[in-house]
Amino acid sequence: MREKKLPCDTLIYLGTDFTPSGWNTHNGEFTWHPKNFPEPKKQIDELRAQNFKVVLHTVIEGRKLTGTVNDACTAAPLPSGRTPDGKWPDNRQVACYWPVHKSLYDVGIDGWWPDQGDGLDATSRLARIRMYYEGSQQLRPNQRVYALHRNGHAGMQRFAGFLWSGDVYSTWETLKVHVPIAVNTGLTGIPWWGTDIGGFVPTKEYTGELHVRWFQFAAFCPLFRAHGRTWHLRLPWGWNTGQLGHDEIARYTGGAANPDLSELRNAEVEPICKKYLELRYRMMPYLYSAVRETHETGLPVMRALWLHYPDDATAVARGDEYLWGRDMLVAPVVEKGATTRNVYLPRGDWYDFWTEEKLAGGREISKAVDLATTPLYVRAGAILPLGPVKQYTAENVDGPLTLVVYPGADGAFTLYEDDGTTFNYQRGDFTKIQINWNNARRTLSLRLASGSKLRQQHKLEIRLAGEKAARQAVFTGRALEIKL
């Protein structure tokens, strides 16, 4: 990934029962596989030196999970995390289960992926989600927690829990229904959601084209993760090697099948994946600000159109597209061999993100698409912040913050920044820059929002959509007004 300049922040390792080269010794155990990871801390340190974070796949097999990390453990957990018969008891308590995680934190892992637990009842699901949030803070009090959960429950957003859509099959119909599933999940109050890019179980429908379309959709989901069987195909260059890699579908039925080998010489996939990886990272200032809005208001990042256009019957009925934050409309391509995509634009003026052509809303349009294009539109009045391309989010890159103004209406945007890793924002260590566009006066103004402090100065490159000429400026914390 680093050699090919394909942006990536995190590597996730599965357990041994799920892959021949898993990190542990057995499903549900917390002991490193000595052959695959003879020196766990050294190997993780090497990955972190390349600026990768490491997340481990963990398993709870019991049907009950009760209590909190602060409760007394009534039965001391075994070092392996299992009972002598190799299984978890049904009444395992959080306070007994959580301590076995400490040895993994000690060698430097960065997050968790609690899998299985399909038999857990609702109370146990929430207890597990809460355990990974509160337990992690016991071990690292001022570090934000990452945990990706197989099983969700109402209220899980209180514990920063991510949810994915499960072990779905790689078909066009599955991709198609994931768009309304994503929107509806956000409407339930669970904003941190995603899916296995490409679907988890491959079928004969799984081709480079389907992978690309799924990848493009996932680039505009809160969770952006390539995962599934066969894992070689989840690599951006995996569709152009001529080789399938290890066969991982032997135990699957229901149409599971490896792609035809003729599909594994597709040179288009990697450059398209790179395009959307770089776009995702360029849009991080916009996305991070939207995440902060979710934290403050509960509005999801992926938004049903009716959240902002409730009096538009067509927008209310539309389930195949969504708003990404307030200002961008995403219309994923979910049809095999598509050359056009019908998109409904709500009232007001909109701009094609790719061409910056201005279009009148309140109507359906037909957008021509090739494999590299997912229709994206930005509403008039929007101020879109774009950073430089990064290989990982914490990389220091010497490049300006680009502000693209989409004229045609007044607009405002609050750019949010903090250190990205700690809870110091709760003590006021954050920046909010209030940016306003006055369409009649053609002026863009920036000021530091009340209650925040400037963490860094910003070199700015500011331009109007549809125009190439840009203005340069520096925001130092003092109010700034720029005529465009």
Protein backbone atom coordinates (compact mmCIF):
# COMPACT_ATOMS: atom_id res chain seq x y z
CA MET A 1 0.00 0.00 0.00
CA ARG A 2 2.78 2.43 0.88
CA GLU A 3 4.87 1.58 -2.17
CA LYS A 4 1.89 2.04 -4.47
CA LYS A 5 0.81 5.27 -2.74
CA LEU A 6 -2.59 3.82 -1.86
CA PRO A 7 -3.83 5.66 1.25
CA CYS A 8 -4.55 3.39 4.20
CA ASP A 9 -4.72 3.84 7.97
CA THR A 10 -5.53 0.46 9.47
CA LEU A 11 -4.85 -3.25 8.99
CA ILE A 12 -7.25 -5.76 10.54
CA TYR A 13 -6.12 -9.29 11.41
CA LEU A 14 -8.58 -12.16 11.55
CA GLY A 15 -8.45 -15.03 14.01
CA THR A 16 -6.94 -18.37 13.00
CA ASP A 17 -10.24 -20.24 12.66
CA PHE A 18 -11.24 -17.76 9.96
CA THR A 19 -8.02 -17.71 7.96
CA PRO A 20 -4.90 -19.94 7.70
CA SER A 21 -2.65 -17.12 8.89
CA GLY A 22 -4.67 -15.69 11.75
CA TRP A 23 -3.20 -13.77 14.62
CA ASN A 24 -4.27 -16.09 17.46
CA THR A 25 -4.05 -19.79 18.26
CA HIS A 26 -7.76 -20.62 18.10
CA ASN A 27 -11.13 -18.97 17.62
CA GLY A 28 -12.01 -17.17 20.85
CA GLU A 29 -8.51 -17.28 22.32
CA PHE A 30 -6.20 -14.37 23.01
CA THR A 31 -2.86 -16.11 22.54
CA TRP A 32 -0.69 -15.10 19.60
CA HIS A 33 -0.08 -17.78 16.99
CA PRO A 34 3.65 -18.49 17.50
CA LYS A 35 4.32 -19.43 13.88
CA ASN A 36 2.58 -16.43 12.33
CA PHE A 37 3.50 -13.90 15.03
CA PRO A 38 6.67 -15.11 16.80
CA GLU A 39 7.39 -11.60 18.13
CA PRO A 40 4.02 -9.81 18.32
CA LYS A 41 5.23 -6.54 19.79
CA LYS A 42 8.13 -6.24 17.36
CA GLN A 43 5.89 -6.99 14.40
CA ILE A 44 3.25 -4.48 15.50
CA ASP A 45 5.94 -1.88 16.15
CA GLU A 46 7.17 -2.40 12.58
CA LEU A 47 3.67 -1.81 11.21
CA ARG A 48 3.18 1.27 13.35
CA ALA A 49 6.54 2.59 12.14
CA GLN A 50 4.94 2.55 8.67
CA ASN A 51 1.99 4.47 10.18
CA PHE A 52 -0.46 1.58 10.14
CA LYS A 53 -2.82 0.99 13.03
CA VAL A 54 -3.60 -2.62 13.96
CA VAL A 55 -7.04 -3.97 14.83
CA LEU A 56 -7.64 -7.54 16.00
CA HIS A 57 -10.60 -9.80 15.36
CA THR A 58 -11.94 -11.19 18.66
CA VAL A 59 -14.80 -13.57 19.45
CA ILE A 60 -17.44 -14.10 22.12
CA GLU A 61 -19.23 -17.43 21.72
CA GLY A 62 -21.39 -17.38 24.86
CA ARG A 63 -25.08 -16.55 24.84
CA LYS A 64 -24.99 -14.18 27.80
CA LEU A 65 -22.79 -11.27 28.77
CA THR A 66 -23.71 -9.28 31.84
CA GLY A 67 -22.46 -6.45 34.02
CA THR A 68 -19.82 -3.81 33.40
CA VAL A 69 -16.05 -3.67 33.50
CA ASN A 70 -16.24 -2.20 37.02
CA ASP A 71 -18.23 -5.09 38.49
CA ALA A 72 -16.55 -7.76 40.58
CA CYS A 73 -15.59 -10.88 38.67
CA THR A 74 -17.14 -13.88 40.39
CA ALA A 75 -15.00 -16.39 38.51
CA ALA A 76 -11.41 -15.60 37.58
CA PRO A 77 -10.87 -15.78 33.81
CA LEU A 78 -8.37 -18.26 32.46
CA PRO A 79 -5.31 -16.79 30.72
CA SER A 80 -6.52 -18.12 27.37
CA GLY A 81 -9.97 -16.66 27.88
CA ARG A 82 -11.63 -20.11 27.79
CA THR A 83 -12.86 -22.76 30.18
CA PRO A 84 -11.13 -26.20 30.32
CA ASP A 85 -13.62 -27.65 27.83
CA GLY A 86 -12.66 -24.96 25.32
CA LYS A 87 -15.92 -23.03 25.43
CA TRP A 88 -17.16 -19.92 27.16
CA PRO A 89 -19.82 -20.46 29.83
CA ASP A 90 -23.18 -18.92 28.98
CA ASN A 91 -23.12 -16.60 31.97
CA ARG A 92 -19.67 -15.12 31.45
CA GLN A 93 -19.50 -11.66 33.06
CA VAL A 94 -17.97 -8.58 31.50
CA ALA A 95 -15.69 -8.15 34.50
CA CYS A 96 -14.34 -11.68 33.95
CA TYR A 97 -14.02 -11.42 30.19
CA TRP A 98 -12.45 -7.99 29.77
CA PRO A 99 -9.10 -8.60 31.60
CA VAL A 100 -7.93 -11.07 28.94
CA HIS A 101 -7.73 -8.16 26.52
CA LYS A 102 -5.00 -6.38 28.47
CA SER A 103 -2.13 -8.45 27.07
CA LEU A 104 -3.11 -7.35 23.56
CA TYR A 105 -3.16 -3.69 24.50
CA ASP A 106 0.26 -4.19 26.12
CA VAL A 107 1.84 -5.09 22.79
CA GLY A 108 0.33 -2.05 21.11
CA ILE A 109 -2.82 -2.99 19.20
CA ASP A 110 -5.09 -0.07 18.37
CA GLY A 111 -8.64 -1.41 18.20
CA TRP A 112 -11.06 -4.29 18.28
CA TRP A 113 -13.34 -6.22 15.98
CA PRO A 114 -15.72 -8.28 18.15
CA ASP A 115 -17.19 -10.94 15.85
CA GLN A 116 -19.77 -13.72 16.22
CA GLY A 117 -22.13 -13.50 19.17
CA ASP A 118 -25.19 -14.00 16.96
CA GLY A 119 -26.80 -15.86 19.82
CA LEU A 120 -26.37 -12.98 22.25
CA ASP A 121 -29.56 -11.45 23.54
CA ALA A 122 -30.17 -7.71 23.28
CA THR A 123 -28.86 -6.96 26.77
CA SER A 124 -25.67 -8.92 26.11
CA ARG A 125 -25.05 -7.13 22.83
CA LEU A 126 -25.19 -3.72 24.46
CA ALA A 127 -23.06 -4.97 27.37
CA ARG A 128 -20.38 -6.09 24.93
CA ILE A 129 -20.41 -2.80 23.04
CA ARG A 130 -20.17 -0.87 26.31
CA MET A 131 -17.40 -3.17 27.55
CA TYR A 132 -15.08 -2.40 24.64
CA TYR A 133 -15.66 1.33 25.07
CA GLU A 134 -15.28 1.60 28.84
CA GLY A 135 -12.74 -1.20 29.20
CA SER A 136 -10.44 0.33 26.60
CA GLN A 137 -10.51 3.63 28.46
CA GLN A 138 -9.48 1.85 31.66
CA LEU A 139 -6.30 0.75 29.93
CA ARG A 140 -5.77 3.92 27.86
CA PRO A 141 -7.72 6.67 29.64
CA ASN A 142 -7.16 9.47 27.14
CA GLN A 143 -7.29 7.58 23.86
CA ARG A 144 -10.38 7.30 21.71
CA VAL A 145 -11.73 3.81 21.19
CA TYR A 146 -12.27 1.92 17.96
CA ALA A 147 -14.46 -1.19 17.97
CA LEU A 148 -16.28 -2.70 15.00
CA HIS A 149 -19.23 -4.85 16.08
CA ARG A 150 -21.03 -7.68 14.33
CA ASN A 151 -24.17 -7.21 16.42
CA GLY A 152 -25.83 -3.88 17.05
CA HIS A 153 -28.34 -2.64 19.59
CA ALA A 154 -30.28 0.56 20.13
CA GLY A 155 -28.13 3.01 22.04
CA MET A 156 -24.80 1.63 20.84
CA GLN A 157 -23.84 5.06 19.50
CA ARG A 158 -23.32 6.17 23.11
CA PHE A 159 -20.28 3.91 23.15
CA ALA A 160 -18.82 4.93 19.76
CA GLY A 161 -19.58 1.47 18.36
CA PHE A 162 -19.21 0.82 14.64
CA LEU A 163 -21.55 -1.67 12.97
CA TRP A 164 -21.16 -3.52 9.70
CA SER A 165 -23.76 -5.25 7.58
CA GLY A 166 -22.57 -8.80 8.15
CA ASP A 167 -21.40 -11.69 5.98
CA VAL A 168 -23.33 -10.74 2.86
CA TYR A 169 -22.94 -12.34 -0.58
CA SER A 170 -21.21 -10.64 -3.50
CA THR A 171 -24.12 -9.90 -5.81
CA TRP A 172 -25.43 -6.81 -7.57
CA GLU A 173 -28.74 -7.08 -5.73
CA THR A 174 -26.92 -7.08 -2.39
CA LEU A 175 -25.07 -3.90 -3.32
CA LYS A 176 -28.31 -2.29 -4.47
CA VAL A 177 -30.19 -2.92 -1.22
CA HIS A 178 -27.24 -1.70 0.84
CA VAL A 179 -27.94 1.91 -0.12
CA PRO A 180 -31.33 2.10 1.67
CA ILE A 181 -29.97 -0.11 4.47
CA ALA A 182 -27.21 2.44 5.05
CA VAL A 183 -29.65 5.35 5.10
CA ASN A 184 -32.09 3.58 7.41
CA THR A 185 -29.35 2.54 9.83
CA GLY A 186 -28.42 6.20 10.24
CA LEU A 187 -32.08 7.06 10.83
CA THR A 188 -32.23 4.57 13.72
CA GLY A 189 -29.62 6.65 15.55
CA ILE A 190 -26.66 4.42 14.65
CA PRO A 191 -24.38 6.63 12.54
CA TRP A 192 -21.15 4.61 12.40
CA TRP A 193 -21.89 1.97 9.77
CA GLY A 194 -20.30 0.22 6.83
CA THR A 195 -20.09 -2.97 4.81
CA ASP A 196 -17.52 -5.44 3.54
CA ILE A 197 -16.37 -3.91 0.25
CA GLY A 198 -17.28 -6.42 -2.44
CA GLY A 199 -19.47 -8.47 -0.13
CA PHE A 200 -18.12 -11.14 2.20
CA VAL A 201 -18.91 -14.35 0.29
CA PRO A 202 -17.90 -14.29 -3.40
CA THR A 203 -20.18 -15.57 -6.15
CA LYS A 204 -19.87 -15.77 -9.91
CA GLU A 205 -21.24 -12.22 -9.97
CA TYR A 206 -18.15 -10.99 -8.12
CA THR A 207 -16.06 -9.27 -10.76
CA GLY A 208 -13.73 -6.31 -10.92
CA GLU A 209 -16.69 -4.19 -11.98
CA LEU A 210 -18.77 -5.15 -8.93
CA HIS A 211 -15.78 -4.58 -6.66
CA VAL A 212 -15.23 -1.09 -8.08
CA ARG A 213 -18.88 -0.11 -7.70
CA TRP A 214 -18.92 -1.37 -4.11
CA PHE A 215 -15.66 0.43 -3.41
CA GLN A 216 -17.09 3.70 -4.72
CA PHE A 217 -20.17 3.34 -2.51
CA ALA A 218 -18.05 2.54 0.55
CA ALA A 219 -15.91 5.63 -0.01
CA PHE A 220 -19.03 7.53 1.07
CA CYS A 221 -19.87 5.42 4.11
CA PRO A 222 -18.57 6.23 7.62
CA LEU A 223 -16.75 2.87 7.69
CA PHE A 224 -14.50 2.34 4.66
CA ARG A 225 -13.16 -1.21 4.83
CA ALA A 226 -12.24 -3.82 2.22
CA HIS A 227 -12.80 -7.31 3.60
CA GLY A 228 -14.08 -10.72 2.59
CA ARG A 229 -13.25 -13.99 0.98
CA THR A 230 -11.01 -14.38 -0.96
CA TRP A 231 -8.88 -11.72 0.72
CA HIS A 232 -6.46 -11.23 -2.22
CA LEU A 233 -9.34 -9.74 -4.18
CA ARG A 234 -9.81 -7.04 -1.52
CA LEU A 235 -6.45 -5.54 -2.47
CA PRO A 236 -6.78 -2.78 -5.08
CA TRP A 237 -4.29 -4.64 -7.28
CA GLY A 238 -5.77 -8.08 -6.53
CA TRP A 239 -7.88 -8.08 -9.69
CA ASN A 240 -4.83 -7.89 -11.95
CA THR A 241 -2.57 -10.67 -10.67
CA GLY A 242 -3.98 -13.60 -12.64
CA GLN A 243 -4.10 -15.56 -9.38
CA LEU A 244 -6.89 -16.18 -6.92
CA GLY A 245 -4.80 -16.92 -3.86
CA HIS A 246 -5.93 -19.26 -1.10
CA ASP A 247 -9.40 -20.74 -1.69
CA GLU A 248 -11.55 -19.56 1.22
CA ILE A 249 -15.08 -20.62 0.25
CA ALA A 250 -15.00 -24.41 0.69
CA ARG A 251 -17.49 -24.33 3.57
CA TYR A 252 -19.97 -21.95 1.95
CA THR A 253 -23.14 -22.78 0.03
CA GLY A 254 -25.97 -20.62 -1.31
CA GLY A 255 -24.25 -19.70 -4.54
CA ALA A 256 -20.74 -19.18 -3.17
CA ALA A 257 -18.18 -19.44 -5.96
CA ASN A 258 -14.80 -18.08 -6.90
CA PRO A 259 -14.66 -15.54 -9.73
CA ASP A 260 -13.61 -16.81 -13.12
CA LEU A 261 -9.85 -16.58 -13.61
CA SER A 262 -10.51 -14.51 -16.72
CA GLU A 263 -11.64 -11.73 -14.36
CA LEU A 264 -8.22 -11.54 -12.70
CA ARG A 265 -6.52 -9.52 -15.44
CA ASN A 266 -8.43 -6.28 -14.98
CA ALA A 267 -6.02 -3.36 -15.01
CA GLU A 268 -8.81 -0.80 -14.46
CA VAL A 269 -9.55 -1.67 -10.83
CA GLU A 270 -6.42 -0.41 -9.07
CA PRO A 271 -6.30 3.12 -10.56
CA ILE A 272 -10.01 3.61 -9.90
CA CYS A 273 -9.62 2.45 -6.30
CA LYS A 274 -6.70 4.85 -5.93
CA LYS A 275 -8.85 7.69 -7.27
CA TYR A 276 -11.49 7.14 -4.61
CA LEU A 277 -8.98 6.49 -1.85
CA GLU A 278 -7.35 9.82 -2.58
CA LEU A 279 -10.72 11.56 -2.77
CA ARG A 280 -11.73 10.11 0.60
CA TYR A 281 -8.56 11.45 2.18
CA ARG A 282 -8.86 14.84 0.46
CA MET A 283 -12.41 15.11 1.81
CA MET A 284 -11.35 14.35 5.38
CA PRO A 285 -11.80 17.98 6.54
CA TYR A 286 -15.40 17.84 5.29
CA LEU A 287 -16.04 14.37 6.69
CA TYR A 288 -14.47 15.09 10.08
CA SER A 289 -16.57 18.22 10.43
CA ALA A 290 -19.67 16.17 9.57
CA VAL A 291 -18.69 13.61 12.20
CA ARG A 292 -18.47 16.40 14.77
CA GLU A 293 -21.96 17.51 13.76
CA THR A 294 -23.18 13.96 14.30
CA HIS A 295 -21.61 13.98 17.75
CA GLU A 296 -23.34 17.24 18.64
CA THR A 297 -26.77 16.80 17.02
CA GLY A 298 -27.32 13.12 16.22
CA LEU A 299 -27.71 13.84 12.50
CA PRO A 300 -26.02 10.95 10.66
CA VAL A 301 -23.26 11.49 8.12
CA MET A 302 -25.27 9.49 5.54
CA ARG A 303 -28.61 11.31 5.39
CA ALA A 304 -31.94 10.51 3.85
CA LEU A 305 -32.94 13.30 1.48
CA TRP A 306 -36.10 13.99 3.49
CA LEU A 307 -34.05 15.12 6.49
CA HIS A 308 -33.37 18.36 4.60
CA TYR A 309 -36.20 18.27 2.04
CA PRO A 310 -39.22 17.00 4.02
CA ASP A 311 -41.73 18.86 1.86
CA ASP A 312 -40.43 17.30 -1.38
CA ALA A 313 -42.47 14.13 -2.00
CA THR A 314 -40.01 12.81 -4.58
CA ALA A 315 -37.05 13.34 -2.26
CA VAL A 316 -38.92 11.67 0.60
CA ALA A 317 -39.59 8.60 -1.53
CA ARG A 318 -36.04 8.31 -2.84
CA GLY A 319 -34.03 5.45 -1.33
CA ASP A 320 -31.30 4.92 -3.91
CA GLU A 321 -29.29 8.08 -3.13
CA TYR A 322 -28.40 10.10 -0.06
CA LEU A 323 -26.74 13.21 1.28
CA TRP A 324 -23.15 12.88 2.49
CA GLY A 325 -23.15 15.49 5.23
CA ARG A 326 -25.31 18.50 4.41
CA ASP A 327 -23.86 19.58 1.10
CA MET A 328 -23.03 16.59 -1.09
CA LEU A 329 -25.44 14.19 -2.80
CA VAL A 330 -24.20 10.65 -3.59
CA ALA A 331 -25.91 8.38 -6.13
CA PRO A 332 -24.07 5.02 -6.14
CA VAL A 333 -24.09 3.00 -9.35
CA VAL A 334 -25.56 -0.40 -8.50
CA GLU A 335 -26.46 -1.85 -11.91
CA LYS A 336 -24.15 -4.15 -13.86
CA GLY A 337 -22.86 -2.61 -17.09
CA ALA A 338 -24.47 0.77 -16.35
CA THR A 339 -23.69 3.61 -18.75
CA THR A 340 -26.17 6.07 -17.24
CA ARG A 341 -27.56 6.73 -13.76
CA ASN A 342 -30.84 8.55 -13.07
CA VAL A 343 -30.40 11.02 -10.20
CA TYR A 344 -33.00 13.16 -8.47
CA LEU A 345 -31.78 16.61 -7.49
CA PRO A 346 -33.92 18.35 -4.83
CA ARG A 347 -34.92 21.98 -5.24
CA GLY A 348 -32.28 24.64 -5.73
CA ASP A 349 -29.20 24.66 -7.92
CA TRP A 350 -26.64 21.87 -7.88
CA TYR A 351 -23.16 21.35 -9.29
CA ASP A 352 -21.75 18.18 -10.80
CA PHE A 353 -18.75 17.49 -8.52
CA TRP A 354 -16.63 16.11 -11.35
CA THR A 355 -17.30 18.72 -14.05
CA GLU A 356 -18.58 21.61 -11.87
CA GLU A 357 -21.42 22.11 -14.33
CA LYS A 358 -24.34 23.97 -12.74
CA LEU A 359 -27.74 22.24 -12.87
CA ALA A 360 -31.23 23.24 -11.80
CA GLY A 361 -32.76 21.02 -9.14
CA GLY A 362 -36.29 19.89 -8.44
CA ARG A 363 -36.05 17.27 -11.19
CA GLU A 364 -34.55 13.96 -12.21
CA ILE A 365 -31.58 13.95 -14.54
CA SER A 366 -29.67 11.25 -16.40
CA LYS A 367 -25.94 11.19 -15.71
CA ALA A 368 -23.60 9.38 -18.10
CA VAL A 369 -21.24 7.11 -16.16
CA ASP A 370 -18.19 5.07 -16.97
CA LEU A 371 -16.62 2.61 -14.54
CA ALA A 372 -14.58 5.36 -12.89
CA THR A 373 -17.58 7.61 -12.18
CA THR A 374 -20.00 7.67 -9.30
CA PRO A 375 -22.44 10.60 -9.61
CA LEU A 376 -21.71 13.25 -6.99
CA TYR A 377 -23.43 16.64 -6.71
CA VAL A 378 -22.83 19.64 -4.48
CA ARG A 379 -25.60 22.10 -3.64
CA ALA A 380 -25.35 25.80 -4.42
CA GLY A 381 -24.19 27.73 -1.37
CA ALA A 382 -21.90 24.95 -0.23
CA ILE A 383 -18.32 25.58 0.89
CA LEU A 384 -16.36 22.36 0.38
CA PRO A 385 -13.03 22.04 2.24
CA LEU A 386 -10.51 19.73 0.60
CA GLY A 387 -7.13 18.87 2.03
CA PRO A 388 -4.04 17.57 0.22
CA VAL A 389 -3.76 13.86 -0.58
CA LYS A 390 -2.40 11.91 2.39
CA GLN A 391 -1.27 8.31 2.76
CA TYR A 392 -2.69 8.21 6.31
CA THR A 393 -4.74 10.73 8.22
CA ALA A 394 -1.98 11.88 10.59
CA GLU A 395 0.56 12.48 7.81
CA ASN A 396 2.00 15.98 7.71
CA VAL A 397 1.69 17.18 4.14
CA ASP A 398 2.80 20.61 3.02
CA GLY A 399 -0.22 21.68 1.03
CA PRO A 400 -3.00 24.23 1.26
CA LEU A 401 -6.52 23.72 2.47
CA THR A 402 -8.66 24.24 -0.62
CA LEU A 403 -12.04 25.91 -0.17
CA VAL A 404 -14.32 25.44 -3.18
CA VAL A 405 -17.33 27.78 -3.09
CA TYR A 406 -20.42 26.76 -5.05
CA PRO A 407 -22.20 30.05 -5.83
CA GLY A 408 -25.90 30.57 -6.36
CA ALA A 409 -27.05 30.90 -2.76
CA ASP A 410 -25.77 32.09 0.59
CA GLY A 411 -23.96 29.38 2.52
CA ALA A 412 -22.05 28.52 5.66
CA PHE A 413 -19.73 25.77 6.87
CA THR A 414 -18.12 25.12 10.24
CA LEU A 415 -14.71 23.53 9.83
CA TYR A 416 -13.84 21.42 12.88
CA GLU A 417 -10.38 20.23 13.94
CA ASP A 418 -8.83 18.56 16.97
CA ASP A 419 -5.92 16.19 17.60
CA GLY A 420 -7.88 13.21 16.25
CA THR A 421 -6.80 10.76 18.95
CA THR A 422 -7.57 11.95 22.49
CA PHE A 423 -10.49 13.26 24.53
CA ASN A 424 -8.84 16.67 24.95
CA TYR A 425 -11.62 18.23 22.86
CA GLN A 426 -13.84 17.73 25.92
CA ARG A 427 -11.59 20.25 27.68
CA GLY A 428 -11.77 22.83 24.91
CA ASP A 429 -8.79 21.75 22.81
CA PHE A 430 -10.41 22.11 19.41
CA THR A 431 -10.82 24.54 16.55
CA LYS A 432 -14.02 25.65 14.88
CA ILE A 433 -13.64 28.00 11.94
CA GLN A 434 -16.91 29.59 10.87
CA ILE A 435 -16.92 30.12 7.11
CA ASN A 436 -19.68 32.13 5.42
CA TRP A 437 -20.45 32.87 1.78
CA ASN A 438 -22.43 35.98 0.86
CA ASN A 439 -23.66 35.29 -2.64
CA ALA A 440 -24.83 38.84 -3.42
CA ARG A 441 -21.57 40.46 -2.30
CA ARG A 442 -19.41 37.59 -3.59
CA THR A 443 -17.45 37.52 -0.34
CA LEU A 444 -16.16 34.63 1.74
CA SER A 445 -15.53 35.37 5.41
CA LEU A 446 -13.71 33.28 8.00
CA ARG A 447 -13.60 33.74 11.74
CA LEU A 448 -12.70 31.67 14.75
CA ALA A 449 -15.89 30.45 16.40
CA SER A 450 -16.56 31.49 19.96
CA GLY A 451 -15.23 29.03 22.52
CA SER A 452 -12.58 27.48 20.31
CA LYS A 453 -8.89 28.12 19.82
CA LEU A 454 -6.68 27.99 16.76
CA ARG A 455 -4.61 24.81 16.68
CA GLN A 456 -2.75 25.73 13.50
CA GLN A 457 -2.62 28.41 10.85
CA HIS A 458 -4.00 27.48 7.45
CA LYS A 459 -2.66 28.29 4.04
CA LEU A 460 -5.79 28.62 1.94
CA GLU A 461 -6.51 28.22 -1.74
CA ILE A 462 -9.98 29.58 -2.51
CA ARG A 463 -11.88 29.39 -5.75
CA LEU A 464 -15.38 29.40 -7.17
CA ALA A 465 -16.75 26.20 -8.68
CA GLY A 466 -16.52 26.36 -12.45
CA GLU A 467 -13.53 28.70 -12.38
CA LYS A 468 -9.85 27.79 -12.41
CA ALA A 469 -8.51 31.02 -10.93
CA ALA A 470 -7.86 30.78 -7.19
CA ARG A 471 -7.06 33.23 -4.41
CA GLN A 472 -4.40 32.51 -1.81
CA ALA A 473 -4.73 33.55 1.80
CA VAL A 474 -3.60 32.58 5.29
CA PHE A 475 -5.98 32.19 8.21
CA THR A 476 -4.18 33.13 11.41
CA GLY A 477 -7.18 33.25 13.71
CA ARG A 478 -8.14 36.82 12.90
CA ALA A 479 -11.31 37.52 10.95
CA LEU A 480 -10.70 37.33 7.22
CA GLU A 481 -12.85 38.46 4.27
CA ILE A 482 -12.07 37.59 0.68
CA LYS A 483 -13.73 38.94 -2.46
CA LEU A 484 -14.23 36.37 -5.22
